[in-house]
Amino acid sequence: MRFAAAGSSNSNTSHALRDLQEKLHAQLDGQLPDLLFLFVTPHHAMEPGFGQSGTQPLPARVLVGCTAESVAAGNHEYENGPAMAAWAAVLPGCDIEPFHIKFERTPDGLLATGAPSGVEGAVTPQAAFLLGDPFSCAVDSMLAHFGEEFSGMPVLGGMASGASAPGENRLYLNDAEFDHGGVGVVIRGPVSIRTVVSQGCRPIGQPLVVTKSSRNVLQELGGKPALEQLNSIYRASSAEDQLLIQRKLHIGLAMSEYKEQFQRGDFLISNVIGADRDQGAIAVGNLVRTGQTVQFHVRDADTADEDLRSMLAQTLESGNAAGGLLFSCNGRGTRMFPAPHHDASTIQSVAGEIPLAGFFAQGELGPVAGRNYIHGFTASVALFGPG
């Protein structure tokens, strides 16, 4: 089992591909990788025929990739200008099932074809990776499909971020190129794939029980209007936290009610998207239910840094990693942190200088408390090692 990663900021597409090929070839001692991920900025993706012929310098049994606003390789994040990043793995004894999911509207609703399905008696998958076009991939329904077909299997990846309009993103699967749907792989066999989903928030106030709600609207918390509870927390907060509440407020939805104390990883973090002062209600980005425990959260650079380091260290207690894939929000990087290369360099400093690559996504995929979600402002990491 071997892993390799490489990045290039060469603006010439053929030269950049050659850079990646030479670096990967050297790290793998010339072995043909079983799996290769390729992430490219739009500058390179617009080369005619890039998906069909441009990837030939990067031979692999399965190649999967997408366009991205920014990419990462090693301890470097390429946030500005043209760039490519590649990650390759030699996985003896593993089965890698590639897929392309496409969607079409029918009189009966949205129809998805091409999604992998569980087979009775087949080896249980270690993980799936999904790269989707945010304009045409119904990601929530896909995560529900994976949950039904492969119970408990983590799904990681992200939504391509290299476009501002439908049809501009590119998804790559072997020598094929798509501008819609989703591509990915299901991995089975003797490989360990551990997940780290760092949502980068810290709680404020105390956990509260939802006593009245409607779909994604919190109407009452602890028997009082939700906005009244938030105002009480605001008045009791420091000036620093009051500023974060005004600008970067989130809500944590407890994933289990059967806990006396809630800690990091016990909440699914959701955006606060609006409030109704007359009704005292707060709207959030996920469905909520009466009886659920919630807690307000805030996000800042220091919290996001501490959260990622802590979760990596906790996961690595069970053993070292040999390679890693990073799917970071395009709202992170220098948009969140005061210095560049934060997520990539943090992973390298905690996990060691492992072969690491990834991209900045328009929505990141990863499990929280055993269930897969699409996130925002999150770093979703897959750590590979021997099975």
Protein backbone atom coordinates (compact mmCIF):
# COMPACT_ATOMS: atom_id res chain seq x y z
CA MET A 1 0.00 0.00 0.00
CA ARG A 2 1.47 3.32 -1.10
CA PHE A 3 0.23 6.91 -1.35
CA ALA A 4 1.45 9.96 -3.23
CA ALA A 5 0.42 13.60 -3.62
CA ALA A 6 1.55 16.45 -5.83
CA GLY A 7 0.63 20.01 -6.70
CA SER A 8 1.58 22.41 -9.47
CA SER A 9 0.98 26.11 -10.07
CA ASN A 10 2.36 26.00 -13.62
CA SER A 11 -0.03 27.93 -15.86
CA ASN A 12 0.78 25.72 -18.87
CA THR A 13 -1.61 22.77 -18.69
CA SER A 14 0.63 20.16 -20.30
CA HIS A 15 3.58 21.26 -18.17
CA ALA A 16 1.48 21.14 -15.00
CA LEU A 17 0.30 17.61 -15.81
CA ARG A 18 3.89 16.57 -16.45
CA ASP A 19 4.90 18.06 -13.09
CA LEU A 20 2.25 15.97 -11.34
CA GLN A 21 3.15 12.82 -13.26
CA GLU A 22 6.84 13.05 -12.40
CA LYS A 23 6.19 13.68 -8.71
CA LEU A 24 3.63 10.87 -8.37
CA HIS A 25 5.80 8.43 -10.34
CA ALA A 26 8.75 9.06 -8.04
CA GLN A 27 6.72 8.66 -4.84
CA LEU A 28 5.10 5.41 -6.05
CA ASP A 29 8.36 3.96 -7.40
CA GLY A 30 6.77 3.68 -10.83
CA GLN A 31 3.78 1.61 -9.70
CA LEU A 32 0.45 2.17 -11.45
CA PRO A 33 -1.98 3.66 -8.90
CA ASP A 34 -5.28 1.90 -8.34
CA LEU A 35 -6.98 5.23 -7.57
CA LEU A 36 -6.12 8.80 -8.53
CA PHE A 37 -7.94 12.00 -7.54
CA LEU A 38 -7.37 15.08 -9.70
CA PHE A 39 -8.48 18.60 -8.81
CA VAL A 40 -7.97 21.45 -11.29
CA THR A 41 -8.78 25.16 -11.40
CA PRO A 42 -10.96 26.43 -14.29
CA HIS A 43 -7.91 27.83 -16.10
CA HIS A 44 -6.81 24.28 -16.97
CA ALA A 45 -10.29 22.78 -17.31
CA MET A 46 -11.09 25.02 -20.27
CA GLU A 47 -8.35 23.36 -22.34
CA PRO A 48 -10.12 21.60 -25.25
CA GLY A 49 -10.56 17.90 -24.49
CA PHE A 50 -8.89 18.12 -21.09
CA GLY A 51 -11.04 15.39 -19.56
CA GLN A 52 -10.54 12.93 -22.42
CA SER A 53 -6.95 13.40 -23.51
CA GLY A 54 -5.44 15.88 -21.09
CA THR A 55 -5.41 13.40 -18.21
CA GLN A 56 -3.49 10.73 -20.14
CA PRO A 57 -0.17 11.71 -18.50
CA LEU A 58 -1.75 10.53 -15.22
CA PRO A 59 -2.51 6.84 -15.79
CA ALA A 60 -4.48 5.01 -13.10
CA ARG A 61 -6.91 2.12 -12.91
CA VAL A 62 -9.56 4.60 -11.73
CA LEU A 63 -9.30 8.39 -12.07
CA VAL A 64 -11.87 10.72 -10.52
CA GLY A 65 -11.79 14.49 -10.16
CA CYS A 66 -13.44 17.87 -10.57
CA THR A 67 -12.87 21.57 -11.11
CA ALA A 68 -12.29 23.75 -8.08
CA GLU A 69 -11.81 27.38 -7.17
CA SER A 70 -8.68 26.40 -5.20
CA VAL A 71 -6.75 23.19 -4.56
CA ALA A 72 -4.32 21.82 -1.97
CA ALA A 73 -1.33 19.49 -2.01
CA GLY A 74 1.15 18.67 0.72
CA ASN A 75 1.19 21.59 3.14
CA HIS A 76 0.34 24.14 0.44
CA GLU A 77 -3.02 25.63 -0.52
CA TYR A 78 -3.17 27.13 -4.01
CA GLU A 79 -5.78 29.84 -3.54
CA ASN A 80 -4.89 32.23 -6.35
CA GLY A 81 -4.16 31.55 -10.00
CA PRO A 82 -4.07 28.34 -12.02
CA ALA A 83 -3.23 25.15 -10.15
CA MET A 84 -3.64 21.39 -10.10
CA ALA A 85 -3.46 18.86 -7.29
CA ALA A 86 -3.36 15.08 -7.55
CA TRP A 87 -3.48 12.25 -5.04
CA ALA A 88 -2.73 8.63 -5.90
CA ALA A 89 -2.97 5.35 -4.03
CA VAL A 90 -1.77 1.80 -4.62
CA LEU A 91 -4.32 -0.33 -2.75
CA PRO A 92 -3.52 -4.07 -3.02
CA GLY A 93 -6.54 -6.30 -2.62
CA CYS A 94 -9.03 -3.43 -2.71
CA ASP A 95 -12.03 -3.19 -5.01
CA ILE A 96 -12.72 0.30 -6.35
CA GLU A 97 -16.15 0.81 -7.93
CA PRO A 98 -16.44 4.03 -9.98
CA PHE A 99 -19.79 5.66 -10.69
CA HIS A 100 -21.38 8.61 -12.49
CA ILE A 101 -24.78 9.73 -11.23
CA LYS A 102 -27.02 11.78 -13.50
CA PHE A 103 -30.39 13.34 -12.76
CA GLU A 104 -33.41 14.05 -14.92
CA ARG A 105 -36.82 15.47 -14.14
CA THR A 106 -39.81 13.24 -14.83
CA PRO A 107 -43.56 13.64 -14.19
CA ASP A 108 -43.02 11.55 -11.04
CA GLY A 109 -40.16 13.69 -9.75
CA LEU A 110 -36.38 13.68 -9.97
CA LEU A 111 -34.88 10.46 -11.34
CA ALA A 112 -31.29 9.51 -10.51
CA THR A 113 -29.43 6.85 -12.47
CA GLY A 114 -25.96 5.42 -12.03
CA ALA A 115 -25.76 5.46 -8.24
CA PRO A 116 -24.04 2.39 -6.74
CA SER A 117 -26.19 -0.09 -4.87
CA GLY A 118 -25.42 -2.61 -2.18
CA VAL A 119 -25.10 -6.25 -3.19
CA GLU A 120 -26.04 -9.00 -0.76
CA GLY A 121 -22.94 -10.90 0.33
CA ALA A 122 -20.52 -8.29 -1.03
CA VAL A 123 -17.63 -7.02 1.08
CA THR A 124 -18.74 -4.10 3.24
CA PRO A 125 -17.41 -0.83 1.80
CA GLN A 126 -14.90 1.16 3.80
CA ALA A 127 -16.07 4.49 2.37
CA ALA A 128 -17.46 6.27 -0.66
CA PHE A 129 -16.23 9.52 -2.20
CA LEU A 130 -18.64 11.76 -4.10
CA LEU A 131 -17.75 14.84 -6.16
CA GLY A 132 -20.86 16.67 -7.33
CA ASP A 133 -21.87 19.63 -9.45
CA PRO A 134 -23.80 21.92 -7.08
CA PHE A 135 -26.13 23.08 -9.87
CA SER A 136 -27.33 19.62 -10.89
CA CYS A 137 -26.55 17.07 -8.15
CA ALA A 138 -29.34 16.41 -5.65
CA VAL A 139 -26.84 15.71 -2.91
CA ASP A 140 -29.30 15.22 -0.04
CA SER A 141 -31.13 12.48 -1.95
CA MET A 142 -27.80 10.86 -2.81
CA LEU A 143 -26.72 10.81 0.81
CA ALA A 144 -30.08 9.26 1.71
CA HIS A 145 -29.52 6.65 -1.02
CA PHE A 146 -26.08 5.76 0.32
CA GLY A 147 -27.51 5.52 3.82
CA GLU A 148 -30.14 3.03 2.67
CA GLU A 149 -27.84 0.94 0.47
CA PHE A 150 -24.70 1.01 2.64
CA SER A 151 -25.73 1.49 6.26
CA GLY A 152 -23.03 3.14 8.34
CA MET A 153 -20.65 3.76 5.43
CA PRO A 154 -18.99 7.19 5.53
CA VAL A 155 -19.44 9.37 2.43
CA LEU A 156 -16.81 12.05 1.92
CA GLY A 157 -16.05 14.56 -0.82
CA GLY A 158 -17.51 17.85 -1.85
CA MET A 159 -19.24 19.94 -4.45
CA ALA A 160 -17.20 21.29 -7.33
CA SER A 161 -16.43 24.98 -6.91
CA GLY A 162 -14.96 25.96 -10.26
CA ALA A 163 -18.04 27.65 -11.74
CA SER A 164 -20.46 30.51 -11.21
CA ALA A 165 -23.21 29.17 -13.49
CA PRO A 166 -24.71 25.80 -14.51
CA GLY A 167 -22.72 23.84 -17.06
CA GLU A 168 -19.36 25.40 -16.22
CA ASN A 169 -18.07 22.85 -13.73
CA ARG A 170 -16.29 19.73 -14.94
CA LEU A 171 -16.36 16.28 -13.38
CA TYR A 172 -13.84 13.63 -14.45
CA LEU A 173 -14.16 9.87 -14.39
CA ASN A 174 -11.39 7.95 -16.15
CA ASP A 175 -11.29 9.42 -19.68
CA ALA A 176 -14.83 10.87 -19.53
CA GLU A 177 -15.80 14.46 -18.75
CA PHE A 178 -19.20 15.63 -17.47
CA ASP A 179 -20.76 19.00 -16.68
CA HIS A 180 -23.59 17.65 -14.53
CA GLY A 181 -24.46 15.15 -11.80
CA GLY A 182 -21.82 13.53 -9.65
CA VAL A 183 -18.89 11.15 -9.92
CA GLY A 184 -17.11 9.08 -7.33
CA VAL A 185 -15.93 5.74 -6.07
CA VAL A 186 -16.89 3.11 -3.51
CA ILE A 187 -13.86 1.48 -1.87
CA ARG A 188 -13.92 -2.05 -0.43
CA GLY A 189 -11.13 -4.17 0.96
CA PRO A 190 -8.15 -4.11 3.33
CA VAL A 191 -7.71 -0.38 3.83
CA SER A 192 -8.54 1.78 6.84
CA ILE A 193 -10.33 5.06 6.09
CA ARG A 194 -10.89 7.21 9.15
CA THR A 195 -12.86 10.44 8.97
CA VAL A 196 -12.41 13.83 10.60
CA VAL A 197 -15.20 16.38 10.14
CA SER A 198 -14.13 19.62 11.76
CA GLN A 199 -17.06 22.03 11.85
CA GLY A 200 -14.92 24.66 13.56
CA CYS A 201 -17.45 26.02 16.05
CA ARG A 202 -17.66 26.42 19.82
CA PRO A 203 -20.81 26.49 21.92
CA ILE A 204 -22.15 29.52 23.76
CA GLY A 205 -24.80 29.51 26.46
CA GLN A 206 -26.32 26.20 27.54
CA PRO A 207 -28.06 23.38 25.67
CA LEU A 208 -31.78 24.03 25.22
CA VAL A 209 -34.67 21.75 24.37
CA VAL A 210 -36.85 22.68 21.39
CA THR A 211 -40.36 23.01 22.83
CA LYS A 212 -42.05 24.31 19.68
CA SER A 213 -40.93 24.15 16.05
CA SER A 214 -42.08 24.02 12.44
CA ARG A 215 -39.81 22.39 9.87
CA ASN A 216 -36.64 24.55 9.97
CA VAL A 217 -38.02 27.22 12.32
CA LEU A 218 -37.23 27.28 16.03
CA GLN A 219 -40.27 28.86 17.67
CA GLU A 220 -39.65 28.08 21.35
CA LEU A 221 -36.58 26.91 23.27
CA GLY A 222 -37.03 25.80 26.86
CA GLY A 223 -40.60 27.13 26.87
CA LYS A 224 -39.60 30.64 25.78
CA PRO A 225 -39.47 32.29 22.35
CA ALA A 226 -36.23 31.26 20.63
CA LEU A 227 -35.17 34.87 20.01
CA GLU A 228 -35.68 35.71 23.69
CA GLN A 229 -33.33 32.88 24.67
CA LEU A 230 -30.74 34.12 22.18
CA ASN A 231 -31.03 37.68 23.52
CA SER A 232 -30.37 36.40 27.05
CA ILE A 233 -27.23 34.61 25.85
CA TYR A 234 -26.13 37.76 24.00
CA ARG A 235 -26.48 39.97 27.06
CA ALA A 236 -24.43 37.54 29.17
CA SER A 237 -21.65 37.21 26.57
CA SER A 238 -18.33 39.01 26.32
CA ALA A 239 -17.94 41.87 23.84
CA GLU A 240 -15.93 39.54 21.58
CA ASP A 241 -18.64 36.89 21.56
CA GLN A 242 -21.35 39.50 21.04
CA LEU A 243 -19.59 40.52 17.84
CA LEU A 244 -19.42 36.87 16.71
CA ILE A 245 -23.11 36.40 17.52
CA GLN A 246 -23.89 39.34 15.25
CA ARG A 247 -21.74 38.07 12.39
CA LYS A 248 -21.14 34.32 12.66
CA LEU A 249 -23.98 32.72 14.58
CA HIS A 250 -24.83 29.04 14.12
CA ILE A 251 -26.99 26.46 15.82
CA GLY A 252 -25.84 23.00 16.88
CA LEU A 253 -28.40 20.20 16.57
CA ALA A 254 -27.68 17.38 19.02
CA MET A 255 -27.35 14.06 17.25
CA SER A 256 -28.43 12.08 20.33
CA GLU A 257 -30.73 12.93 23.21
CA TYR A 258 -29.22 10.26 25.46
CA LYS A 259 -26.29 12.24 26.85
CA GLU A 260 -25.89 14.06 30.12
CA GLN A 261 -23.20 16.31 28.67
CA PHE A 262 -22.60 17.38 25.09
CA GLN A 263 -19.11 17.72 23.65
CA ARG A 264 -17.32 18.39 20.35
CA GLY A 265 -18.73 16.14 17.64
CA ASP A 266 -22.11 15.71 19.33
CA PHE A 267 -23.74 18.46 17.23
CA LEU A 268 -24.51 18.97 13.57
CA ILE A 269 -23.74 22.64 12.96
CA SER A 270 -26.35 24.53 10.95
CA ASN A 271 -26.47 28.14 9.76
CA VAL A 272 -28.88 30.63 11.31
CA ILE A 273 -30.56 32.10 8.23
CA GLY A 274 -33.14 34.51 9.65
CA ALA A 275 -35.30 35.67 12.53
CA ASP A 276 -38.84 36.95 13.05
CA ARG A 277 -38.86 39.58 15.79
CA ASP A 278 -42.66 39.65 16.02
CA GLN A 279 -42.93 35.88 16.54
CA GLY A 280 -39.60 35.50 18.37
CA ALA A 281 -38.67 32.68 15.98
CA ILE A 282 -35.33 31.75 14.40
CA ALA A 283 -34.93 29.99 11.04
CA VAL A 284 -32.01 27.60 10.53
CA GLY A 285 -30.57 25.69 7.60
CA ASN A 286 -31.74 22.21 8.67
CA LEU A 287 -34.99 20.62 9.75
CA VAL A 288 -35.55 20.61 13.51
CA ARG A 289 -38.02 18.75 15.66
CA THR A 290 -39.74 19.41 18.94
CA GLY A 291 -37.92 17.63 21.76
CA GLN A 292 -34.51 17.95 20.12
CA THR A 293 -31.61 19.48 22.06
CA VAL A 294 -29.86 22.44 20.46
CA GLN A 295 -27.13 24.88 21.44
CA PHE A 296 -26.03 28.14 19.86
CA HIS A 297 -22.49 28.19 18.44
CA VAL A 298 -20.10 30.79 17.04
CA ARG A 299 -17.19 30.37 14.65
CA ASP A 300 -13.87 32.19 14.42
CA ALA A 301 -10.34 31.40 13.24
CA ASP A 302 -9.02 30.41 16.66
CA THR A 303 -11.93 28.06 17.31
CA ALA A 304 -11.65 26.48 13.85
CA ASP A 305 -7.92 25.93 14.34
CA GLU A 306 -8.33 24.37 17.78
CA ASP A 307 -11.22 22.19 16.60
CA LEU A 308 -9.30 20.75 13.64
CA ARG A 309 -6.19 20.03 15.72
CA SER A 310 -8.17 18.41 18.50
CA MET A 311 -10.23 16.18 16.22
CA LEU A 312 -7.17 15.08 14.24
CA ALA A 313 -5.28 14.21 17.40
CA GLN A 314 -8.23 12.27 18.78
CA THR A 315 -8.63 10.27 15.56
CA LEU A 316 -4.91 9.51 15.31
CA GLU A 317 -4.89 7.97 18.79
CA SER A 318 -5.90 4.71 17.09
CA GLY A 319 -2.83 4.75 14.80
CA ASN A 320 -0.84 6.80 12.33
CA ALA A 321 -2.15 7.75 8.88
CA ALA A 322 -0.29 6.97 5.64
CA GLY A 323 -2.18 9.35 3.34
CA GLY A 324 -5.02 11.84 3.39
CA LEU A 325 -7.65 13.63 1.32
CA LEU A 326 -8.88 17.10 2.28
CA PHE A 327 -12.23 18.63 1.34
CA SER A 328 -12.29 22.13 2.78
CA CYS A 329 -14.92 24.84 2.43
CA ASN A 330 -14.09 27.64 0.02
CA GLY A 331 -15.01 29.97 2.89
CA ARG A 332 -11.97 28.77 4.81
CA GLY A 333 -8.38 29.38 3.66
CA THR A 334 -7.37 33.03 3.90
CA ARG A 335 -11.06 33.99 4.00
CA MET A 336 -11.16 32.57 7.53
CA PHE A 337 -7.58 32.35 8.78
CA PRO A 338 -5.02 35.16 9.05
CA ALA A 339 -2.23 33.10 7.43
CA PRO A 340 -2.36 30.95 4.25
CA HIS A 341 -2.23 27.14 3.99
CA HIS A 342 -4.01 26.63 7.32
CA ASP A 343 -5.90 23.36 6.87
CA ALA A 344 -3.24 21.59 4.79
CA SER A 345 -0.35 22.63 7.03
CA THR A 346 -2.32 21.80 10.20
CA ILE A 347 -3.00 18.26 8.99
CA GLN A 348 0.69 17.85 8.15
CA SER A 349 1.79 19.17 11.53
CA VAL A 350 -0.56 16.85 13.47
CA ALA A 351 -0.54 13.73 11.26
CA GLY A 352 3.02 14.05 9.94
CA GLU A 353 4.12 14.78 6.40
CA ILE A 354 1.71 12.36 4.78
CA PRO A 355 0.78 12.50 1.08
CA LEU A 356 -2.17 14.90 1.19
CA ALA A 357 -4.25 16.58 -1.51
CA GLY A 358 -7.71 18.03 -1.91
CA PHE A 359 -9.77 21.04 -2.94
CA PHE A 360 -11.89 23.88 -1.62
CA ALA A 361 -15.51 22.85 -2.11
CA GLN A 362 -18.87 24.59 -2.37
CA GLY A 363 -20.22 22.28 0.30
CA GLU A 364 -18.30 19.46 1.99
CA LEU A 365 -19.46 15.90 2.66
CA GLY A 366 -18.73 13.89 5.77
CA PRO A 367 -20.30 11.95 8.64
CA VAL A 368 -21.33 13.33 12.01
CA ALA A 369 -22.32 10.75 14.63
CA GLY A 370 -22.49 8.04 11.96
CA ARG A 371 -24.73 9.89 9.51
CA ASN A 372 -23.58 11.68 6.35
CA TYR A 373 -24.33 15.35 5.70
CA ILE A 374 -23.38 18.22 3.45
CA HIS A 375 -21.69 20.96 5.48
CA GLY A 376 -20.50 24.54 5.20
CA PHE A 377 -17.30 26.13 6.56
CA THR A 378 -16.07 22.63 7.39
CA ALA A 379 -12.85 20.70 6.83
CA SER A 380 -13.69 17.09 5.97
CA VAL A 381 -10.66 14.79 6.01
CA ALA A 382 -10.15 11.14 5.06
CA LEU A 383 -7.11 9.48 6.66
CA PHE A 384 -5.92 6.29 4.93
CA GLY A 385 -3.88 3.43 6.37
CA PRO A 386 -3.52 -0.35 6.27
CA GLY A 387 -6.69 -2.32 6.87
